[in-house]
């Protein structure tokens, strides 16, 4: 499994937070990274507070790896 670089851009369009499912609004800061495994890959986008919550979970509690843990 490979993780891409983590970035912290400002949204130019609306996105959906992978963690909470709420909208990431235009102009709002968010975290973005990609992961690729043998069978799948995805770009993950989360609110900063959702990223922080995700980091508090023990390893293995998520199917998708969280960059920075």
N, C-alpha and C. Protein backbone atom coordinates (compact mmCIF):
# COMPACT_ATOMS: atom_id res chain seq x y z
N UNK A 1 0.85 -1.17 0.00
CA UNK A 1 0.00 0.00 0.00
C UNK A 1 0.90 1.24 0.00
N UNK A 2 0.51 2.22 -0.79
CA UNK A 2 1.26 3.46 -0.87
C UNK A 2 0.37 4.64 -0.51
N UNK A 3 0.93 5.57 0.25
CA UNK A 3 0.24 6.80 0.58
C UNK A 3 0.87 7.94 -0.18
N UNK A 4 0.03 8.83 -0.70
CA UNK A 4 0.53 10.02 -1.37
C UNK A 4 0.78 11.13 -0.36
N UNK A 5 1.29 12.23 -0.86
CA UNK A 5 1.55 13.39 -0.01
C UNK A 5 0.26 13.95 0.56
N UNK A 6 0.35 14.45 1.77
CA UNK A 6 -0.77 15.12 2.41
C UNK A 6 -0.69 16.60 2.06
N UNK A 7 -1.81 17.17 1.66
CA UNK A 7 -1.86 18.60 1.40
C UNK A 7 -3.01 19.22 2.18
N UNK A 8 -2.95 20.53 2.34
CA UNK A 8 -3.96 21.26 3.12
C UNK A 8 -4.45 22.45 2.29
N UNK A 9 -5.15 22.16 1.19
CA UNK A 9 -5.60 23.24 0.30
C UNK A 9 -6.86 23.94 0.82
N UNK A 10 -7.22 24.99 0.13
CA UNK A 10 -8.48 25.69 0.34
C UNK A 10 -9.41 25.25 -0.78
N UNK A 11 -10.62 24.86 -0.44
CA UNK A 11 -11.57 24.33 -1.43
C UNK A 11 -11.96 25.40 -2.44
N UNK A 12 -11.84 25.07 -3.71
CA UNK A 12 -12.32 25.95 -4.79
C UNK A 12 -13.71 25.53 -5.25
N UNK A 13 -14.12 24.33 -4.83
CA UNK A 13 -15.48 23.84 -5.09
C UNK A 13 -15.88 23.00 -3.89
N UNK A 14 -17.13 22.66 -3.78
CA UNK A 14 -17.59 21.83 -2.66
C UNK A 14 -17.07 20.41 -2.80
N UNK A 15 -16.73 19.81 -1.67
CA UNK A 15 -16.33 18.42 -1.58
C UNK A 15 -17.12 17.78 -0.45
N UNK A 16 -17.07 16.47 -0.36
CA UNK A 16 -17.71 15.75 0.75
C UNK A 16 -16.60 15.17 1.62
N UNK A 17 -16.69 15.39 2.92
CA UNK A 17 -15.71 14.87 3.87
C UNK A 17 -15.84 13.35 3.95
N UNK A 18 -14.73 12.66 3.77
CA UNK A 18 -14.72 11.20 3.82
C UNK A 18 -15.10 10.70 5.21
N UNK A 19 -14.75 11.42 6.24
CA UNK A 19 -14.97 10.99 7.62
C UNK A 19 -16.41 11.19 8.08
N UNK A 20 -16.94 12.42 7.94
CA UNK A 20 -18.26 12.72 8.49
C UNK A 20 -19.38 12.80 7.45
N UNK A 21 -19.02 12.91 6.18
CA UNK A 21 -20.02 12.97 5.13
C UNK A 21 -20.62 14.35 4.91
N UNK A 22 -20.19 15.33 5.70
CA UNK A 22 -20.68 16.70 5.54
C UNK A 22 -19.93 17.41 4.41
N UNK A 23 -20.48 18.52 3.97
CA UNK A 23 -19.88 19.30 2.90
C UNK A 23 -18.65 20.05 3.39
N UNK A 24 -17.62 20.05 2.56
CA UNK A 24 -16.48 20.94 2.74
C UNK A 24 -16.78 22.11 1.81
N UNK A 25 -17.04 23.27 2.39
CA UNK A 25 -17.53 24.42 1.63
C UNK A 25 -16.41 25.13 0.87
N UNK A 26 -16.80 25.83 -0.18
CA UNK A 26 -15.87 26.66 -0.94
C UNK A 26 -15.21 27.64 0.02
N UNK A 27 -13.89 27.76 -0.06
CA UNK A 27 -13.15 28.67 0.80
C UNK A 27 -12.68 28.06 2.10
N UNK A 28 -13.17 26.86 2.42
CA UNK A 28 -12.79 26.18 3.65
C UNK A 28 -11.50 25.38 3.45
N UNK A 29 -10.64 25.38 4.44
CA UNK A 29 -9.42 24.58 4.42
C UNK A 29 -9.78 23.12 4.69
N UNK A 30 -9.09 22.19 4.03
CA UNK A 30 -9.33 20.76 4.25
C UNK A 30 -8.04 20.00 4.03
N UNK A 31 -8.01 18.74 4.42
CA UNK A 31 -6.85 17.89 4.18
C UNK A 31 -7.16 16.91 3.05
N UNK A 32 -6.14 16.65 2.23
CA UNK A 32 -6.30 15.75 1.08
C UNK A 32 -5.05 14.89 0.97
N UNK A 33 -5.27 13.60 0.70
CA UNK A 33 -4.19 12.67 0.40
C UNK A 33 -4.74 11.52 -0.41
N UNK A 34 -3.87 10.77 -1.02
CA UNK A 34 -4.28 9.60 -1.81
C UNK A 34 -3.63 8.35 -1.24
N UNK A 35 -4.27 7.24 -1.46
CA UNK A 35 -3.70 5.95 -1.12
C UNK A 35 -3.98 4.99 -2.26
N UNK A 36 -3.08 4.04 -2.45
CA UNK A 36 -3.22 3.04 -3.51
C UNK A 36 -2.79 1.69 -2.94
N UNK A 37 -3.63 0.69 -3.13
CA UNK A 37 -3.28 -0.68 -2.74
C UNK A 37 -3.27 -1.52 -4.01
N UNK A 38 -3.12 -2.81 -3.85
CA UNK A 38 -3.10 -3.70 -5.01
C UNK A 38 -4.42 -3.67 -5.78
N UNK A 39 -5.53 -3.48 -5.06
CA UNK A 39 -6.84 -3.59 -5.69
C UNK A 39 -7.59 -2.27 -5.83
N UNK A 40 -7.16 -1.23 -5.16
CA UNK A 40 -7.95 0.01 -5.16
C UNK A 40 -7.09 1.22 -4.86
N UNK A 41 -7.68 2.36 -5.03
CA UNK A 41 -7.03 3.62 -4.69
C UNK A 41 -8.08 4.69 -4.55
N UNK A 42 -7.76 5.74 -3.81
CA UNK A 42 -8.75 6.78 -3.60
C UNK A 42 -8.06 8.05 -3.13
N UNK A 43 -8.67 9.19 -3.45
CA UNK A 43 -8.27 10.46 -2.88
C UNK A 43 -9.20 10.76 -1.73
N UNK A 44 -8.63 11.00 -0.56
CA UNK A 44 -9.40 11.24 0.65
C UNK A 44 -9.37 12.74 0.95
N UNK A 45 -10.53 13.29 1.29
CA UNK A 45 -10.65 14.70 1.67
C UNK A 45 -11.42 14.77 2.98
N UNK A 46 -10.87 15.50 3.97
CA UNK A 46 -11.52 15.61 5.27
C UNK A 46 -11.41 17.03 5.82
N UNK A 47 -12.36 17.36 6.68
CA UNK A 47 -12.24 18.59 7.47
C UNK A 47 -11.03 18.45 8.39
N UNK A 48 -10.41 19.56 8.79
CA UNK A 48 -9.29 19.46 9.74
C UNK A 48 -9.67 18.77 11.05
N UNK A 49 -10.87 19.05 11.57
CA UNK A 49 -11.30 18.43 12.83
C UNK A 49 -11.59 16.94 12.65
N UNK A 50 -12.00 16.54 11.47
CA UNK A 50 -12.24 15.12 11.20
C UNK A 50 -10.91 14.38 11.10
N UNK A 51 -9.91 15.00 10.50
CA UNK A 51 -8.58 14.41 10.44
C UNK A 51 -8.04 14.21 11.85
N UNK A 52 -8.23 15.21 12.69
CA UNK A 52 -7.78 15.11 14.08
C UNK A 52 -8.47 13.96 14.81
N UNK A 53 -9.78 13.82 14.62
CA UNK A 53 -10.52 12.72 15.25
C UNK A 53 -10.02 11.38 14.73
N UNK A 54 -9.78 11.29 13.44
CA UNK A 54 -9.31 10.05 12.83
C UNK A 54 -7.97 9.63 13.44
N UNK A 55 -7.12 10.62 13.71
CA UNK A 55 -5.79 10.34 14.27
C UNK A 55 -5.86 9.74 15.67
N UNK A 56 -6.97 9.92 16.37
CA UNK A 56 -7.08 9.39 17.73
C UNK A 56 -7.47 7.91 17.76
N UNK A 57 -7.88 7.37 16.62
CA UNK A 57 -8.29 5.95 16.58
C UNK A 57 -7.07 5.04 16.60
N UNK A 58 -7.19 3.88 17.24
CA UNK A 58 -6.10 2.91 17.22
C UNK A 58 -5.85 2.39 15.80
N UNK A 59 -4.61 2.05 15.47
CA UNK A 59 -4.32 1.49 14.15
C UNK A 59 -5.20 0.28 13.87
N UNK A 60 -5.67 0.18 12.63
CA UNK A 60 -6.48 -0.95 12.22
C UNK A 60 -7.98 -0.72 12.35
N UNK A 61 -8.39 0.41 12.91
CA UNK A 61 -9.81 0.69 13.07
C UNK A 61 -10.45 1.29 11.82
N UNK A 62 -9.68 1.52 10.79
CA UNK A 62 -10.20 2.08 9.55
C UNK A 62 -9.72 1.23 8.38
N UNK A 63 -10.56 1.12 7.37
CA UNK A 63 -10.16 0.40 6.17
C UNK A 63 -9.16 1.21 5.36
N UNK A 64 -9.32 2.52 5.35
CA UNK A 64 -8.46 3.39 4.56
C UNK A 64 -7.40 3.98 5.48
N UNK A 65 -6.13 3.87 5.12
CA UNK A 65 -5.08 4.41 5.98
C UNK A 65 -5.14 5.92 6.04
N UNK A 66 -4.81 6.44 7.19
CA UNK A 66 -4.82 7.89 7.36
C UNK A 66 -3.40 8.40 7.38
N UNK A 67 -3.10 9.28 6.47
CA UNK A 67 -1.76 9.84 6.36
C UNK A 67 -1.42 10.61 7.62
N UNK A 68 -0.25 10.44 8.11
CA UNK A 68 0.21 11.18 9.26
C UNK A 68 0.04 10.46 10.58
N UNK A 69 -0.56 9.28 10.58
CA UNK A 69 -0.73 8.54 11.84
C UNK A 69 0.52 7.74 12.10
